[in-house]
Amino acid sequence: MPAGAIAGLDGLGTLKAAGLHAVTYTSTKPPLAWRGTPAERTVDLEALTERVVFFEGSAREAALQFPKNANLAATVALAGLGFERTRVRLVADPESRGNTGEVRAESEIGTLEVTMAGLASTNPKTSASVAYNLLHAIRQRGARLVI
């Protein structure tokens, strides 16, 4: 499965094999990227002047409440501890120039911290890097050596 606009799934899989304890995924986007979502019921997105965490919960809750914005939370959950045990934080930040996905995982053998910050595509809910990730995945399918 292509990773999309997230990085570090290989490391997350490594930590899972070693005994994963905790996984948190944080998605930060400009306020207007959250327009049309339940975030509008708790935050005045157009008047926001500072970073606000408007959702904290499980990956299942995030995927159900924010289906157009939390697809990476679902990807991280599938690669890690599952939908119930993966924690998700959704953030609106007026200083953000694009979409940022952060994975933090803790296991028996160590800690993983990965941040992927990318410009938004023409759709502010998604990153421009997604198309390039799909191209990378297609190229790897035919490659003799996959890294």
N, C-alpha and C. Protein backbone atom coordinates (compact mmCIF):
# COMPACT_ATOMS: atom_id res chain seq x y z
N MET A 1 0.85 -1.17 0.00
CA MET A 1 0.00 0.00 0.00
C MET A 1 0.89 1.24 0.00
N PRO A 2 0.69 2.17 -0.91
CA PRO A 2 1.49 3.39 -0.93
C PRO A 2 1.29 4.19 0.36
N ALA A 3 2.34 4.84 0.82
CA ALA A 3 2.29 5.59 2.08
C ALA A 3 1.56 6.92 1.93
N GLY A 4 1.45 7.43 0.71
CA GLY A 4 0.83 8.74 0.53
C GLY A 4 1.74 9.83 1.02
N ALA A 5 1.21 10.75 1.82
CA ALA A 5 1.98 11.91 2.26
C ALA A 5 2.61 11.70 3.64
N ILE A 6 2.83 10.46 4.03
CA ILE A 6 3.44 10.18 5.32
C ILE A 6 4.75 9.44 5.10
N ALA A 7 5.65 9.57 6.04
CA ALA A 7 6.93 8.87 5.97
C ALA A 7 7.12 8.08 7.25
N GLY A 8 8.01 7.11 7.22
CA GLY A 8 8.38 6.38 8.42
C GLY A 8 7.63 5.10 8.68
N LEU A 9 6.82 4.64 7.74
CA LEU A 9 6.05 3.42 7.99
C LEU A 9 6.94 2.19 8.11
N ASP A 10 8.09 2.20 7.44
CA ASP A 10 9.02 1.08 7.57
C ASP A 10 9.57 1.02 8.99
N GLY A 11 9.93 2.16 9.55
CA GLY A 11 10.41 2.21 10.93
C GLY A 11 9.32 1.84 11.92
N LEU A 12 8.10 2.26 11.65
CA LEU A 12 6.98 1.90 12.51
C LEU A 12 6.78 0.39 12.51
N GLY A 13 6.90 -0.24 11.34
CA GLY A 13 6.79 -1.70 11.25
C GLY A 13 7.90 -2.40 12.02
N THR A 14 9.09 -1.83 11.98
CA THR A 14 10.22 -2.39 12.73
C THR A 14 9.93 -2.36 14.22
N LEU A 15 9.46 -1.22 14.72
CA LEU A 15 9.15 -1.10 16.14
C LEU A 15 7.98 -1.99 16.54
N LYS A 16 7.05 -2.18 15.63
CA LYS A 16 5.91 -3.07 15.92
C LYS A 16 6.42 -4.50 16.15
N ALA A 17 7.34 -4.93 15.31
CA ALA A 17 7.90 -6.28 15.46
C ALA A 17 8.65 -6.44 16.78
N ALA A 18 9.17 -5.32 17.31
CA ALA A 18 9.95 -5.36 18.54
C ALA A 18 9.11 -5.14 19.79
N GLY A 19 7.83 -4.86 19.64
CA GLY A 19 6.97 -4.63 20.80
C GLY A 19 6.59 -3.17 20.94
N LEU A 20 5.67 -2.74 20.12
CA LEU A 20 5.22 -1.35 20.09
C LEU A 20 4.33 -1.05 21.30
N HIS A 21 4.60 0.06 21.99
CA HIS A 21 3.81 0.46 23.17
C HIS A 21 2.81 1.56 22.86
N ALA A 22 3.25 2.56 22.08
CA ALA A 22 2.41 3.74 21.86
C ALA A 22 2.71 4.35 20.50
N VAL A 23 1.64 4.83 19.84
CA VAL A 23 1.79 5.54 18.57
C VAL A 23 0.86 6.75 18.61
N THR A 24 1.43 7.91 18.27
CA THR A 24 0.63 9.13 18.14
C THR A 24 0.90 9.73 16.77
N TYR A 25 -0.17 10.06 16.07
CA TYR A 25 -0.08 10.74 14.78
C TYR A 25 -0.68 12.13 14.95
N THR A 26 0.07 13.16 14.53
CA THR A 26 -0.41 14.53 14.59
C THR A 26 -0.45 15.10 13.19
N SER A 27 -1.60 15.63 12.81
CA SER A 27 -1.78 16.26 11.51
C SER A 27 -2.01 17.75 11.71
N THR A 28 -1.12 18.56 11.13
CA THR A 28 -1.23 20.02 11.24
C THR A 28 -1.45 20.59 9.84
N LYS A 29 -2.48 21.42 9.73
CA LYS A 29 -2.80 22.05 8.45
C LYS A 29 -3.20 23.50 8.68
N PRO A 30 -3.15 24.31 7.62
CA PRO A 30 -3.67 25.68 7.75
C PRO A 30 -5.16 25.62 8.11
N PRO A 31 -5.66 26.60 8.83
CA PRO A 31 -7.05 26.56 9.29
C PRO A 31 -8.08 26.28 8.20
N LEU A 32 -7.95 26.91 7.04
CA LEU A 32 -8.97 26.74 6.01
C LEU A 32 -8.97 25.35 5.38
N ALA A 33 -7.91 24.56 5.60
CA ALA A 33 -7.91 23.18 5.13
C ALA A 33 -8.90 22.33 5.93
N TRP A 34 -9.30 22.82 7.09
CA TRP A 34 -10.25 22.11 7.95
C TRP A 34 -11.68 22.57 7.72
N ARG A 35 -11.88 23.47 6.75
CA ARG A 35 -13.23 23.95 6.43
C ARG A 35 -14.09 22.78 5.96
N GLY A 36 -15.35 22.78 6.35
CA GLY A 36 -16.25 21.71 5.96
C GLY A 36 -16.13 20.47 6.83
N THR A 37 -15.43 20.59 7.96
CA THR A 37 -15.25 19.46 8.88
C THR A 37 -15.84 19.83 10.25
N PRO A 38 -15.93 18.87 11.15
CA PRO A 38 -16.41 19.18 12.51
C PRO A 38 -15.54 20.20 13.26
N ALA A 39 -14.35 20.49 12.76
CA ALA A 39 -13.50 21.50 13.41
C ALA A 39 -14.21 22.84 13.46
N GLU A 40 -15.04 23.11 12.49
CA GLU A 40 -15.75 24.39 12.44
C GLU A 40 -16.70 24.58 13.62
N ARG A 41 -17.10 23.49 14.25
CA ARG A 41 -18.01 23.59 15.41
C ARG A 41 -17.29 23.99 16.69
N THR A 42 -15.96 23.84 16.70
CA THR A 42 -15.20 24.14 17.92
C THR A 42 -14.22 25.30 17.75
N VAL A 43 -13.87 25.64 16.52
CA VAL A 43 -12.86 26.67 16.27
C VAL A 43 -13.36 27.59 15.16
N ASP A 44 -13.17 28.91 15.35
CA ASP A 44 -13.46 29.86 14.28
C ASP A 44 -12.24 29.87 13.36
N LEU A 45 -12.29 29.05 12.34
CA LEU A 45 -11.13 28.83 11.48
C LEU A 45 -10.64 30.10 10.79
N GLU A 46 -11.56 30.98 10.42
CA GLU A 46 -11.16 32.19 9.70
C GLU A 46 -10.54 33.23 10.61
N ALA A 47 -10.83 33.18 11.90
CA ALA A 47 -10.31 34.18 12.83
C ALA A 47 -9.13 33.66 13.66
N LEU A 48 -8.70 32.46 13.40
CA LEU A 48 -7.67 31.82 14.21
C LEU A 48 -6.34 32.58 14.09
N THR A 49 -5.72 32.86 15.23
CA THR A 49 -4.44 33.59 15.24
C THR A 49 -3.30 32.77 15.83
N GLU A 50 -3.62 31.63 16.41
CA GLU A 50 -2.57 30.77 16.96
C GLU A 50 -2.94 29.31 16.76
N ARG A 51 -1.94 28.47 16.89
CA ARG A 51 -2.08 27.01 16.73
C ARG A 51 -3.09 26.47 17.74
N VAL A 52 -4.02 25.63 17.26
CA VAL A 52 -5.04 25.04 18.12
C VAL A 52 -5.17 23.55 17.83
N VAL A 53 -5.07 22.73 18.88
CA VAL A 53 -5.38 21.31 18.78
C VAL A 53 -6.88 21.20 19.01
N PHE A 54 -7.64 20.84 17.98
CA PHE A 54 -9.09 20.80 18.12
C PHE A 54 -9.64 19.39 18.22
N PHE A 55 -8.78 18.38 18.03
CA PHE A 55 -9.23 16.99 18.18
C PHE A 55 -8.10 16.17 18.77
N GLU A 56 -8.44 15.36 19.75
CA GLU A 56 -7.54 14.34 20.28
C GLU A 56 -8.40 13.11 20.54
N GLY A 57 -7.99 11.99 19.97
CA GLY A 57 -8.75 10.77 20.15
C GLY A 57 -8.08 9.62 19.43
N SER A 58 -8.84 8.55 19.23
CA SER A 58 -8.32 7.37 18.54
C SER A 58 -8.32 7.58 17.03
N ALA A 59 -7.56 6.77 16.34
CA ALA A 59 -7.54 6.82 14.87
C ALA A 59 -8.92 6.49 14.31
N ARG A 60 -9.65 5.61 14.99
CA ARG A 60 -11.01 5.27 14.54
C ARG A 60 -11.92 6.50 14.61
N GLU A 61 -11.87 7.22 15.73
CA GLU A 61 -12.68 8.43 15.88
C GLU A 61 -12.30 9.47 14.83
N ALA A 62 -11.00 9.64 14.61
CA ALA A 62 -10.53 10.62 13.63
C ALA A 62 -11.01 10.27 12.23
N ALA A 63 -10.90 8.99 11.87
CA ALA A 63 -11.31 8.56 10.53
C ALA A 63 -12.82 8.73 10.33
N LEU A 64 -13.59 8.48 11.36
CA LEU A 64 -15.05 8.61 11.25
C LEU A 64 -15.49 10.08 11.22
N GLN A 65 -14.86 10.92 12.01
CA GLN A 65 -15.26 12.32 12.09
C GLN A 65 -14.66 13.20 11.00
N PHE A 66 -13.46 12.80 10.52
CA PHE A 66 -12.73 13.62 9.54
C PHE A 66 -12.29 12.76 8.36
N PRO A 67 -13.22 12.12 7.64
CA PRO A 67 -12.83 11.15 6.61
C PRO A 67 -12.00 11.73 5.47
N LYS A 68 -12.14 13.01 5.16
CA LYS A 68 -11.36 13.60 4.08
C LYS A 68 -10.02 14.14 4.55
N ASN A 69 -9.79 14.15 5.85
CA ASN A 69 -8.57 14.71 6.40
C ASN A 69 -7.72 13.71 7.17
N ALA A 70 -8.30 12.60 7.59
CA ALA A 70 -7.58 11.70 8.49
C ALA A 70 -7.18 10.38 7.83
N ASN A 71 -7.01 10.37 6.52
CA ASN A 71 -6.60 9.13 5.85
C ASN A 71 -5.21 8.69 6.28
N LEU A 72 -4.34 9.62 6.60
CA LEU A 72 -3.00 9.24 7.06
C LEU A 72 -3.05 8.67 8.47
N ALA A 73 -3.98 9.13 9.27
CA ALA A 73 -4.17 8.53 10.60
C ALA A 73 -4.54 7.06 10.45
N ALA A 74 -5.38 6.76 9.46
CA ALA A 74 -5.76 5.37 9.21
C ALA A 74 -4.56 4.56 8.72
N THR A 75 -3.74 5.14 7.87
CA THR A 75 -2.54 4.45 7.38
C THR A 75 -1.60 4.12 8.53
N VAL A 76 -1.38 5.09 9.40
CA VAL A 76 -0.50 4.87 10.56
C VAL A 76 -1.09 3.81 11.48
N ALA A 77 -2.40 3.84 11.67
CA ALA A 77 -3.06 2.83 12.52
C ALA A 77 -2.89 1.43 11.94
N LEU A 78 -3.05 1.29 10.64
CA LEU A 78 -2.89 -0.02 10.00
C LEU A 78 -1.46 -0.54 10.11
N ALA A 79 -0.49 0.37 10.04
CA ALA A 79 0.92 -0.03 10.12
C ALA A 79 1.38 -0.27 11.55
N GLY A 80 0.64 0.25 12.52
CA GLY A 80 1.10 0.20 13.90
C GLY A 80 0.20 -0.58 14.83
N LEU A 81 -0.45 0.14 15.74
CA LEU A 81 -1.21 -0.48 16.83
C LEU A 81 -2.70 -0.67 16.56
N GLY A 82 -3.16 -0.29 15.37
CA GLY A 82 -4.57 -0.44 15.07
C GLY A 82 -5.36 0.83 15.37
N PHE A 83 -6.63 0.80 15.01
CA PHE A 83 -7.47 2.00 15.07
C PHE A 83 -7.81 2.44 16.49
N GLU A 84 -7.91 1.53 17.42
CA GLU A 84 -8.29 1.90 18.78
C GLU A 84 -7.10 2.41 19.58
N ARG A 85 -5.91 1.85 19.40
CA ARG A 85 -4.76 2.20 20.22
C ARG A 85 -3.87 3.29 19.63
N THR A 86 -4.09 3.66 18.38
CA THR A 86 -3.33 4.76 17.78
C THR A 86 -4.00 6.07 18.15
N ARG A 87 -3.24 6.95 18.78
CA ARG A 87 -3.75 8.26 19.19
C ARG A 87 -3.55 9.25 18.05
N VAL A 88 -4.51 10.15 17.89
CA VAL A 88 -4.46 11.15 16.81
C VAL A 88 -4.74 12.53 17.39
N ARG A 89 -3.94 13.47 16.92
CA ARG A 89 -4.15 14.89 17.24
C ARG A 89 -4.30 15.64 15.92
N LEU A 90 -5.34 16.46 15.82
CA LEU A 90 -5.57 17.28 14.63
C LEU A 90 -5.42 18.74 15.03
N VAL A 91 -4.65 19.47 14.21
CA VAL A 91 -4.24 20.83 14.58
C VAL A 91 -4.51 21.79 13.43
N ALA A 92 -5.06 22.95 13.77
CA ALA A 92 -5.17 24.06 12.81
C ALA A 92 -4.13 25.09 13.22
N ASP A 93 -3.29 25.49 12.27
CA ASP A 93 -2.20 26.42 12.58
C ASP A 93 -2.12 27.49 11.50
N PRO A 94 -2.43 28.74 11.84
CA PRO A 94 -2.39 29.81 10.83
C PRO A 94 -0.98 30.09 10.30
N GLU A 95 0.05 29.61 11.00
CA GLU A 95 1.43 29.79 10.54
C GLU A 95 1.86 28.69 9.58
N SER A 96 1.06 27.65 9.46
CA SER A 96 1.41 26.51 8.61
C SER A 96 1.32 26.89 7.13
N ARG A 97 2.37 26.53 6.39
CA ARG A 97 2.39 26.80 4.95
C ARG A 97 1.88 25.61 4.13
N GLY A 98 1.65 24.50 4.79
CA GLY A 98 1.19 23.30 4.10
C GLY A 98 0.69 22.30 5.12
N ASN A 99 0.77 21.04 4.76
CA ASN A 99 0.28 19.97 5.62
C ASN A 99 1.46 19.19 6.21
N THR A 100 1.41 18.99 7.52
CA THR A 100 2.48 18.30 8.23
C THR A 100 1.91 17.09 8.95
N GLY A 101 2.54 15.94 8.74
CA GLY A 101 2.18 14.72 9.45
C GLY A 101 3.34 14.28 10.31
N GLU A 102 3.08 14.07 11.59
CA GLU A 102 4.12 13.65 12.53
C GLU A 102 3.72 12.31 13.15
N VAL A 103 4.67 11.38 13.15
CA VAL A 103 4.47 10.09 13.80
C VAL A 103 5.45 9.98 14.94
N ARG A 104 4.96 9.63 16.10
CA ARG A 104 5.82 9.34 17.25
C ARG A 104 5.41 7.97 17.77
N ALA A 105 6.39 7.07 17.85
CA ALA A 105 6.12 5.70 18.29
C ALA A 105 7.17 5.28 19.31
N GLU A 106 6.73 4.51 20.30
CA GLU A 106 7.63 4.02 21.34
C GLU A 106 7.53 2.51 21.41
N SER A 107 8.70 1.86 21.53
CA SER A 107 8.71 0.40 21.59
C SER A 107 9.77 -0.07 22.58
N GLU A 108 9.91 -1.38 22.66
CA GLU A 108 10.93 -2.00 23.51
C GLU A 108 12.34 -1.57 23.12
N ILE A 109 12.58 -1.35 21.83
CA ILE A 109 13.94 -1.10 21.36
C ILE A 109 14.26 0.36 21.08
N GLY A 110 13.26 1.24 21.13
CA GLY A 110 13.55 2.64 20.86
C GLY A 110 12.32 3.44 20.52
N THR A 111 12.60 4.66 20.11
CA THR A 111 11.56 5.63 19.79
C THR A 111 11.73 6.11 18.35
N LEU A 112 10.62 6.27 17.67
CA LEU A 112 10.62 6.79 16.30
C LEU A 112 9.91 8.13 16.30
N GLU A 113 10.52 9.12 15.68
CA GLU A 113 9.89 10.41 15.45
C GLU A 113 10.14 10.81 14.01
N VAL A 114 9.07 10.94 13.25
CA VAL A 114 9.18 11.28 11.83
C VAL A 114 8.20 12.40 11.52
N THR A 115 8.69 13.40 10.80
CA THR A 115 7.85 14.51 10.37
C THR A 115 7.96 14.67 8.87
N MET A 116 6.82 14.73 8.22
CA MET A 116 6.76 14.99 6.78
C MET A 116 5.96 16.27 6.59
N ALA A 117 6.64 17.32 6.16
CA ALA A 117 5.99 18.61 5.95
C ALA A 117 6.01 18.91 4.46
N GLY A 118 4.83 19.08 3.90
CA GLY A 118 4.75 19.32 2.46
C GLY A 118 3.77 20.42 2.13
N LEU A 119 3.95 20.97 0.97
CA LEU A 119 2.99 21.96 0.50
C LEU A 119 1.68 21.27 0.17
N ALA A 120 0.60 22.01 0.33
CA ALA A 120 -0.71 21.47 -0.02
C ALA A 120 -0.82 21.38 -1.54
N SER A 121 -1.65 20.45 -2.00
CA SER A 121 -1.94 20.36 -3.43
C SER A 121 -3.00 21.42 -3.76
N THR A 122 -3.61 21.34 -4.92
CA THR A 122 -4.69 22.27 -5.25
C THR A 122 -5.87 22.08 -4.30
N ASN A 123 -5.97 20.89 -3.70
CA ASN A 123 -6.95 20.63 -2.65
C ASN A 123 -6.21 20.83 -1.32
N PRO A 124 -6.56 21.85 -0.52
CA PRO A 124 -5.80 22.13 0.70
C PRO A 124 -5.84 21.02 1.74
N LYS A 125 -6.72 20.05 1.59
CA LYS A 125 -6.83 18.95 2.54
C LYS A 125 -5.76 17.88 2.30
N THR A 126 -5.07 17.93 1.18
CA THR A 126 -4.09 16.90 0.85
C THR A 126 -2.76 17.53 0.42
N SER A 127 -1.69 16.76 0.54
CA SER A 127 -0.35 17.26 0.22
C SER A 127 0.01 17.01 -1.24
N ALA A 128 0.82 17.89 -1.77
CA ALA A 128 1.30 17.75 -3.14
C ALA A 128 2.17 16.50 -3.30
N SER A 129 2.74 16.02 -2.21
CA SER A 129 3.66 14.87 -2.29
C SER A 129 2.95 13.55 -2.60
N VAL A 130 1.63 13.50 -2.46
CA VAL A 130 0.91 12.24 -2.66
C VAL A 130 1.13 11.69 -4.07
N ALA A 131 1.02 12.52 -5.08
CA ALA A 131 1.20 12.06 -6.46
C ALA A 131 2.60 11.49 -6.66
N TYR A 132 3.60 12.11 -6.06
CA TYR A 132 4.97 11.63 -6.20
C TYR A 132 5.18 10.33 -5.43
N ASN A 133 4.47 10.16 -4.32
CA ASN A 133 4.56 8.91 -3.59
C ASN A 133 3.98 7.77 -4.42
N LEU A 134 2.89 8.02 -5.11
CA LEU A 134 2.30 7.00 -5.98
C LEU A 134 3.26 6.65 -7.12
N LEU A 135 3.90 7.65 -7.70
CA LEU A 135 4.90 7.40 -8.74
C LEU A 135 6.04 6.55 -8.19
N HIS A 136 6.51 6.87 -7.00
CA HIS A 136 7.57 6.10 -6.35
C HIS A 136 7.14 4.65 -6.14
N ALA A 137 5.91 4.44 -5.67
CA ALA A 137 5.41 3.08 -5.43
C ALA A 137 5.33 2.28 -6.73
N ILE A 138 4.91 2.91 -7.81
CA ILE A 138 4.83 2.23 -9.10
C ILE A 138 6.22 1.85 -9.59
N ARG A 139 7.16 2.77 -9.45
CA ARG A 139 8.54 2.48 -9.87
C ARG A 139 9.15 1.35 -9.05
N GLN A 140 8.85 1.28 -7.76
CA GLN A 140 9.39 0.22 -6.92
C GLN A 140 8.85 -1.16 -7.29
N ARG A 141 7.64 -1.22 -7.78
CA ARG A 141 7.06 -2.52 -8.15
C ARG A 141 7.89 -3.22 -9.21
N GLY A 142 8.49 -2.45 -10.11
CA GLY A 142 9.29 -3.04 -11.18
C GLY A 142 10.78 -3.04 -10.90
N ALA A 143 11.18 -2.56 -9.76
CA ALA A 143 12.61 -2.44 -9.45
C ALA A 143 13.18 -3.75 -8.97
N ARG A 144 14.44 -3.98 -9.28
CA ARG A 144 15.14 -5.17 -8.78
C ARG A 144 15.56 -4.99 -7.33
N LEU A 145 15.86 -3.76 -6.97
CA LEU A 145 16.26 -3.44 -5.61
C LEU A 145 15.28 -2.41 -5.06
N VAL A 146 14.66 -2.73 -3.93
CA VAL A 146 13.71 -1.82 -3.33
C VAL A 146 14.24 -1.39 -1.98
N ILE A 147 14.34 -0.07 -1.79
CA ILE A 147 14.83 0.48 -0.52
C ILE A 147 13.71 1.25 0.12
